[in-house]
PDB file of all heavy atoms in Angstrom:
ATOM      1  N   GLY A   1      -5.530 -12.860 -10.419  1.00  0.00           N
ATOM      2  CA  GLY A   1      -6.729 -12.639 -11.206  1.00  0.00           C
ATOM      3  C   GLY A   1      -7.903 -12.107 -10.510  1.00  0.00           C
ATOM      4  O   GLY A   1      -9.029 -11.863 -11.189  1.00  0.00           O
ATOM      5  N   PHE A   2      -7.868 -11.872  -9.173  1.00  0.00           N
ATOM      6  CA  PHE A   2      -9.011 -11.424  -8.472  1.00  0.00           C
ATOM      7  C   PHE A   2      -9.198  -9.853  -8.681  1.00  0.00           C
ATOM      8  O   PHE A   2      -8.201  -9.128  -8.751  1.00  0.00           O
ATOM      9  CB  PHE A   2      -8.926 -11.665  -7.022  1.00  0.00           C
ATOM     10  CG  PHE A   2      -9.050 -13.121  -6.703  1.00  0.00           C
ATOM     11  CD1 PHE A   2      -7.918 -13.976  -6.492  1.00  0.00           C
ATOM     12  CD2 PHE A   2     -10.373 -13.668  -6.554  1.00  0.00           C
ATOM     13  CE1 PHE A   2      -8.146 -15.282  -6.124  1.00  0.00           C
ATOM     14  CE2 PHE A   2     -10.578 -15.028  -6.278  1.00  0.00           C
ATOM     15  CZ  PHE A   2      -9.359 -15.879  -6.107  1.00  0.00           C
ATOM     16  N   ARG A   3     -10.421  -9.527  -8.805  1.00  0.00           N
ATOM     17  CA  ARG A   3     -10.731  -8.000  -8.902  1.00  0.00           C
ATOM     18  C   ARG A   3     -10.903  -7.499  -7.479  1.00  0.00           C
ATOM     19  O   ARG A   3     -11.510  -8.218  -6.627  1.00  0.00           O
ATOM     20  CB  ARG A   3     -12.044  -7.744  -9.619  1.00  0.00           C
ATOM     21  CG  ARG A   3     -12.017  -8.476 -11.042  1.00  0.00           C
ATOM     22  CD  ARG A   3     -13.257  -8.124 -11.755  1.00  0.00           C
ATOM     23  NE  ARG A   3     -13.731  -9.291 -12.544  1.00  0.00           N
ATOM     24  CZ  ARG A   3     -14.827  -9.278 -13.289  1.00  0.00           C
ATOM     25  NH1 ARG A   3     -15.699  -8.278 -13.224  1.00  0.00           N
ATOM     26  NH2 ARG A   3     -15.225 -10.399 -14.010  1.00  0.00           N
ATOM     27  N   LEU A   4     -10.270  -6.393  -7.083  1.00  0.00           N
ATOM     28  CA  LEU A   4     -10.275  -5.892  -5.845  1.00  0.00           C
ATOM     29  C   LEU A   4     -10.954  -4.509  -5.690  1.00  0.00           C
ATOM     30  O   LEU A   4     -10.776  -3.713  -6.668  1.00  0.00           O
ATOM     31  CB  LEU A   4      -8.814  -5.685  -5.349  1.00  0.00           C
ATOM     32  CG  LEU A   4      -7.891  -6.959  -5.513  1.00  0.00           C
ATOM     33  CD1 LEU A   4      -6.495  -6.598  -4.974  1.00  0.00           C
ATOM     34  CD2 LEU A   4      -8.537  -8.142  -4.810  1.00  0.00           C
ATOM     35  N   ALA A   5     -11.563  -4.219  -4.611  1.00  0.00           N
ATOM     36  CA  ALA A   5     -12.160  -2.908  -4.342  1.00  0.00           C
ATOM     37  C   ALA A   5     -12.206  -2.655  -2.876  1.00  0.00           C
ATOM     38  O   ALA A   5     -12.117  -3.536  -2.040  1.00  0.00           O
ATOM     39  CB  ALA A   5     -13.589  -2.893  -4.841  1.00  0.00           C
ATOM     40  N   PHE A   6     -12.231  -1.380  -2.555  1.00  0.00           N
ATOM     41  CA  PHE A   6     -12.673  -0.923  -1.263  1.00  0.00           C
ATOM     42  C   PHE A   6     -14.189  -0.823  -1.205  1.00  0.00           C
ATOM     43  O   PHE A   6     -14.765  -0.370  -2.184  1.00  0.00           O
ATOM     44  CB  PHE A   6     -12.076   0.450  -0.871  1.00  0.00           C
ATOM     45  CG  PHE A   6     -10.734   0.457  -0.347  1.00  0.00           C
ATOM     46  CD1 PHE A   6      -9.615   0.949  -1.074  1.00  0.00           C
ATOM     47  CD2 PHE A   6     -10.437  -0.112   0.964  1.00  0.00           C
ATOM     48  CE1 PHE A   6      -8.322   0.873  -0.565  1.00  0.00           C
ATOM     49  CE2 PHE A   6      -9.184  -0.160   1.439  1.00  0.00           C
ATOM     50  CZ  PHE A   6      -8.160   0.331   0.738  1.00  0.00           C
ATOM     51  N   LEU A   7     -14.777  -1.158  -0.079  1.00  0.00           N
ATOM     52  CA  LEU A   7     -16.188  -0.878   0.141  1.00  0.00           C
ATOM     53  C   LEU A   7     -16.306  -0.393   1.525  1.00  0.00           C
ATOM     54  O   LEU A   7     -16.421  -1.248   2.534  1.00  0.00           O
ATOM     55  CB  LEU A   7     -17.057  -2.141  -0.096  1.00  0.00           C
ATOM     56  CG  LEU A   7     -18.574  -2.011   0.248  1.00  0.00           C
ATOM     57  CD1 LEU A   7     -19.096  -0.715  -0.436  1.00  0.00           C
ATOM     58  CD2 LEU A   7     -19.313  -3.248  -0.230  1.00  0.00           C
ATOM     59  N   SER A   8     -16.271   0.916   1.830  1.00  0.00           N
ATOM     60  CA  SER A   8     -15.971   1.446   3.086  1.00  0.00           C
ATOM     61  C   SER A   8     -16.989   2.592   3.385  1.00  0.00           C
ATOM     62  O   SER A   8     -17.418   3.342   2.442  1.00  0.00           O
ATOM     63  CB  SER A   8     -14.589   1.998   3.180  1.00  0.00           C
ATOM     64  OG  SER A   8     -14.316   2.725   4.345  1.00  0.00           O
ATOM     65  N   ASN A   9     -17.194   2.797   4.698  1.00  0.00           N
ATOM     66  CA  ASN A   9     -17.904   3.920   5.171  1.00  0.00           C
ATOM     67  C   ASN A   9     -17.107   5.265   5.100  1.00  0.00           C
ATOM     68  O   ASN A   9     -17.631   6.371   5.243  1.00  0.00           O
ATOM     69  CB  ASN A   9     -18.427   3.739   6.682  1.00  0.00           C
ATOM     70  CG  ASN A   9     -19.495   2.746   6.745  1.00  0.00           C
ATOM     71  OD1 ASN A   9     -20.174   2.515   5.713  1.00  0.00           O
ATOM     72  ND2 ASN A   9     -19.701   2.192   7.945  1.00  0.00           N
ATOM     73  N   MET A  10     -15.831   5.125   4.991  1.00  0.00           N
ATOM     74  CA  MET A  10     -15.002   6.345   4.830  1.00  0.00           C
ATOM     75  C   MET A  10     -15.264   7.061   3.601  1.00  0.00           C
ATOM     76  O   MET A  10     -15.820   6.471   2.619  1.00  0.00           O
ATOM     77  CB  MET A  10     -13.486   5.994   4.918  1.00  0.00           C
ATOM     78  CG  MET A  10     -13.058   5.318   6.186  1.00  0.00           C
ATOM     79  SD  MET A  10     -11.281   4.833   6.128  1.00  0.00           S
ATOM     80  CE  MET A  10     -10.435   6.368   6.349  1.00  0.00           C
ATOM     81  N   THR A  11     -14.994   8.375   3.529  1.00  0.00           N
ATOM     82  CA  THR A  11     -15.260   9.115   2.330  1.00  0.00           C
ATOM     83  C   THR A  11     -14.235   8.724   1.286  1.00  0.00           C
ATOM     84  O   THR A  11     -13.231   8.132   1.530  1.00  0.00           O
ATOM     85  CB  THR A  11     -15.161  10.631   2.525  1.00  0.00           C
ATOM     86  OG1 THR A  11     -13.728  10.946   2.861  1.00  0.00           O
ATOM     87  CG2 THR A  11     -16.039  11.053   3.719  1.00  0.00           C
ATOM     88  N   ALA A  12     -14.587   8.937  -0.026  1.00  0.00           N
ATOM     89  CA  ALA A  12     -13.635   8.676  -1.149  1.00  0.00           C
ATOM     90  C   ALA A  12     -12.392   9.396  -0.925  1.00  0.00           C
ATOM     91  O   ALA A  12     -11.349   8.891  -1.264  1.00  0.00           O
ATOM     92  CB  ALA A  12     -14.352   8.985  -2.491  1.00  0.00           C
ATOM     93  N   ALA A  13     -12.355  10.662  -0.502  1.00  0.00           N
ATOM     94  CA  ALA A  13     -11.147  11.375  -0.357  1.00  0.00           C
ATOM     95  C   ALA A  13     -10.250  10.740   0.703  1.00  0.00           C
ATOM     96  O   ALA A  13      -9.003  10.604   0.489  1.00  0.00           O
ATOM     97  CB  ALA A  13     -11.423  12.803   0.113  1.00  0.00           C
ATOM     98  N   MET A  14     -10.856  10.193   1.789  1.00  0.00           N
ATOM     99  CA  MET A  14     -10.012   9.463   2.786  1.00  0.00           C
ATOM    100  C   MET A  14      -9.462   8.234   2.278  1.00  0.00           C
ATOM    101  O   MET A  14      -8.260   7.906   2.525  1.00  0.00           O
ATOM    102  CB  MET A  14     -10.960   9.143   3.998  1.00  0.00           C
ATOM    103  CG  MET A  14     -11.472  10.373   4.647  1.00  0.00           C
ATOM    104  SD  MET A  14     -12.713   9.977   5.946  1.00  0.00           S
ATOM    105  CE  MET A  14     -11.618   9.298   7.285  1.00  0.00           C
ATOM    106  N   LEU A  15     -10.147   7.488   1.479  1.00  0.00           N
ATOM    107  CA  LEU A  15      -9.708   6.245   0.982  1.00  0.00           C
ATOM    108  C   LEU A  15      -8.552   6.523  -0.150  1.00  0.00           C
ATOM    109  O   LEU A  15      -7.609   5.839  -0.111  1.00  0.00           O
ATOM    110  CB  LEU A  15     -10.804   5.486   0.215  1.00  0.00           C
ATOM    111  CG  LEU A  15     -11.923   4.972   1.190  1.00  0.00           C
ATOM    112  CD1 LEU A  15     -13.167   4.544   0.457  1.00  0.00           C
ATOM    113  CD2 LEU A  15     -11.408   3.860   2.046  1.00  0.00           C
ATOM    114  N   HIS A  16      -8.752   7.510  -0.970  1.00  0.00           N
ATOM    115  CA  HIS A  16      -7.762   7.776  -1.983  1.00  0.00           C
ATOM    116  C   HIS A  16      -6.449   8.299  -1.287  1.00  0.00           C
ATOM    117  O   HIS A  16      -5.386   8.037  -1.702  1.00  0.00           O
ATOM    118  CB  HIS A  16      -8.258   8.857  -3.032  1.00  0.00           C
ATOM    119  CG  HIS A  16      -9.163   8.203  -3.983  1.00  0.00           C
ATOM    120  ND1 HIS A  16      -8.705   7.269  -4.881  1.00  0.00           N
ATOM    121  CD2 HIS A  16     -10.483   8.386  -4.240  1.00  0.00           C
ATOM    122  CE1 HIS A  16      -9.691   6.915  -5.677  1.00  0.00           C
ATOM    123  NE2 HIS A  16     -10.824   7.564  -5.300  1.00  0.00           N
ATOM    124  N   ALA A  17      -6.663   9.040  -0.204  1.00  0.00           N
ATOM    125  CA  ALA A  17      -5.449   9.522   0.606  1.00  0.00           C
ATOM    126  C   ALA A  17      -4.688   8.241   1.125  1.00  0.00           C
ATOM    127  O   ALA A  17      -3.444   8.237   1.115  1.00  0.00           O
ATOM    128  CB  ALA A  17      -5.858  10.550   1.730  1.00  0.00           C
ATOM    129  N   GLY A  18      -5.449   7.372   1.676  1.00  0.00           N
ATOM    130  CA  GLY A  18      -4.767   6.183   2.200  1.00  0.00           C
ATOM    131  C   GLY A  18      -4.158   5.391   1.143  1.00  0.00           C
ATOM    132  O   GLY A  18      -2.995   4.883   1.406  1.00  0.00           O
ATOM    133  N   ILE A  19      -4.718   5.249   0.001  1.00  0.00           N
ATOM    134  CA  ILE A  19      -4.022   4.534  -1.072  1.00  0.00           C
ATOM    135  C   ILE A  19      -2.720   5.199  -1.509  1.00  0.00           C
ATOM    136  O   ILE A  19      -1.625   4.472  -1.687  1.00  0.00           O
ATOM    137  CB  ILE A  19      -4.960   4.474  -2.294  1.00  0.00           C
ATOM    138  CG1 ILE A  19      -6.128   3.418  -2.002  1.00  0.00           C
ATOM    139  CG2 ILE A  19      -4.272   4.014  -3.534  1.00  0.00           C
ATOM    140  CD1 ILE A  19      -7.317   3.582  -3.029  1.00  0.00           C
ATOM    141  N   ALA A  20      -2.770   6.557  -1.520  1.00  0.00           N
ATOM    142  CA  ALA A  20      -1.447   7.210  -1.912  1.00  0.00           C
ATOM    143  C   ALA A  20      -0.442   7.100  -0.775  1.00  0.00           C
ATOM    144  O   ALA A  20       0.703   6.853  -1.064  1.00  0.00           O
ATOM    145  CB  ALA A  20      -1.776   8.741  -2.083  1.00  0.00           C
ATOM    146  N   ASN A  21      -0.785   7.238   0.549  1.00  0.00           N
ATOM    147  CA  ASN A  21       0.009   7.126   1.584  1.00  0.00           C
ATOM    148  C   ASN A  21       0.781   5.727   1.635  1.00  0.00           C
ATOM    149  O   ASN A  21       1.994   5.625   1.993  1.00  0.00           O
ATOM    150  CB  ASN A  21      -0.668   7.325   2.989  1.00  0.00           C
ATOM    151  CG  ASN A  21      -1.166   8.719   3.083  1.00  0.00           C
ATOM    152  OD1 ASN A  21      -0.698   9.722   2.490  1.00  0.00           O
ATOM    153  ND2 ASN A  21      -2.167   8.863   3.884  1.00  0.00           N
ATOM    154  N   ALA A  22      -0.028   4.736   1.349  1.00  0.00           N
ATOM    155  CA  ALA A  22       0.433   3.317   1.502  1.00  0.00           C
ATOM    156  C   ALA A  22       0.937   2.781   0.103  1.00  0.00           C
ATOM    157  O   ALA A  22       1.410   1.636   0.104  1.00  0.00           O
ATOM    158  CB  ALA A  22      -0.749   2.427   1.990  1.00  0.00           C
ATOM    159  N   ALA A  23       1.004   3.621  -0.924  1.00  0.00           N
ATOM    160  CA  ALA A  23       1.583   3.163  -2.185  1.00  0.00           C
ATOM    161  C   ALA A  23       0.852   1.899  -2.842  1.00  0.00           C
ATOM    162  O   ALA A  23       1.463   0.986  -3.143  1.00  0.00           O
ATOM    163  CB  ALA A  23       3.105   2.911  -2.126  1.00  0.00           C
ATOM    164  N   LEU A  24      -0.478   2.072  -2.727  1.00  0.00           N
ATOM    165  CA  LEU A  24      -1.305   0.927  -3.218  1.00  0.00           C
ATOM    166  C   LEU A  24      -2.011   1.237  -4.494  1.00  0.00           C
ATOM    167  O   LEU A  24      -2.955   0.578  -4.952  1.00  0.00           O
ATOM    168  CB  LEU A  24      -2.390   0.648  -2.184  1.00  0.00           C
ATOM    169  CG  LEU A  24      -1.894   0.156  -0.754  1.00  0.00           C
ATOM    170  CD1 LEU A  24      -3.122  -0.025   0.134  1.00  0.00           C
ATOM    171  CD2 LEU A  24      -1.094  -1.038  -0.838  1.00  0.00           C
ATOM    172  N   ASP A  25      -1.410   2.255  -5.291  1.00  0.00           N
ATOM    173  CA  ASP A  25      -1.998   2.627  -6.484  1.00  0.00           C
ATOM    174  C   ASP A  25      -2.061   1.429  -7.493  1.00  0.00           C
ATOM    175  O   ASP A  25      -1.040   0.635  -7.575  1.00  0.00           O
ATOM    176  CB  ASP A  25      -1.294   3.771  -7.126  1.00  0.00           C
ATOM    177  CG  ASP A  25      -1.169   4.989  -6.101  1.00  0.00           C
ATOM    178  OD1 ASP A  25      -0.219   4.992  -5.345  1.00  0.00           O
ATOM    179  OD2 ASP A  25      -2.043   5.857  -6.255  1.00  0.00           O
ATOM    180  N   GLY A  26      -3.123   1.327  -8.196  1.00  0.00           N
ATOM    181  CA  GLY A  26      -3.167   0.318  -9.271  1.00  0.00           C
ATOM    182  C   GLY A  26      -3.713  -1.074  -8.877  1.00  0.00           C
ATOM    183  O   GLY A  26      -3.868  -1.924  -9.686  1.00  0.00           O
ATOM    184  N   LEU A  27      -3.920  -1.183  -7.524  1.00  0.00           N
ATOM    185  CA  LEU A  27      -4.374  -2.533  -7.047  1.00  0.00           C
ATOM    186  C   LEU A  27      -5.920  -2.593  -7.041  1.00  0.00           C
ATOM    187  O   LEU A  27      -6.403  -3.743  -7.053  1.00  0.00           O
ATOM    188  CB  LEU A  27      -3.874  -2.758  -5.629  1.00  0.00           C
ATOM    189  CG  LEU A  27      -2.397  -2.994  -5.545  1.00  0.00           C
ATOM    190  CD1 LEU A  27      -1.875  -3.031  -4.147  1.00  0.00           C
ATOM    191  CD2 LEU A  27      -1.972  -4.212  -6.310  1.00  0.00           C
ATOM    192  N   PHE A  28      -6.657  -1.495  -7.052  1.00  0.00           N
ATOM    193  CA  PHE A  28      -8.086  -1.620  -6.868  1.00  0.00           C
ATOM    194  C   PHE A  28      -8.871  -1.186  -8.170  1.00  0.00           C
ATOM    195  O   PHE A  28      -8.545  -0.208  -8.740  1.00  0.00           O
ATOM    196  CB  PHE A  28      -8.485  -0.725  -5.785  1.00  0.00           C
ATOM    197  CG  PHE A  28      -7.890  -1.164  -4.354  1.00  0.00           C
ATOM    198  CD1 PHE A  28      -6.755  -0.534  -3.916  1.00  0.00           C
ATOM    199  CD2 PHE A  28      -8.492  -2.045  -3.617  1.00  0.00           C
ATOM    200  CE1 PHE A  28      -6.185  -0.938  -2.651  1.00  0.00           C
ATOM    201  CE2 PHE A  28      -8.062  -2.466  -2.436  1.00  0.00           C
ATOM    202  CZ  PHE A  28      -6.869  -1.915  -1.975  1.00  0.00           C
ATOM    203  N   ASP A  29      -9.816  -2.027  -8.508  1.00  0.00           N
ATOM    204  CA  ASP A  29     -10.644  -1.668  -9.599  1.00  0.00           C
ATOM    205  C   ASP A  29     -11.603  -0.585  -9.243  1.00  0.00           C
ATOM    206  O   ASP A  29     -11.986   0.287 -10.092  1.00  0.00           O
ATOM    207  CB  ASP A  29     -11.530  -2.871 -10.012  1.00  0.00           C
ATOM    208  CG  ASP A  29     -10.683  -4.107 -10.408  1.00  0.00           C
ATOM    209  OD1 ASP A  29      -9.643  -3.907 -10.989  1.00  0.00           O
ATOM    210  OD2 ASP A  29     -11.105  -5.210 -10.073  1.00  0.00           O
TER     211      ASP A  29
END
C-alpha cells in the first residue's frame, strides 16, 4: 500500500529509460 516515487537529480528521460530497461513500469506514482 505504499506510494512510491523517484526523487532524483537525473533527468526525467534518464529515469524513464531506466524504468523501461529494468521492467519497473507501473510501480511508481
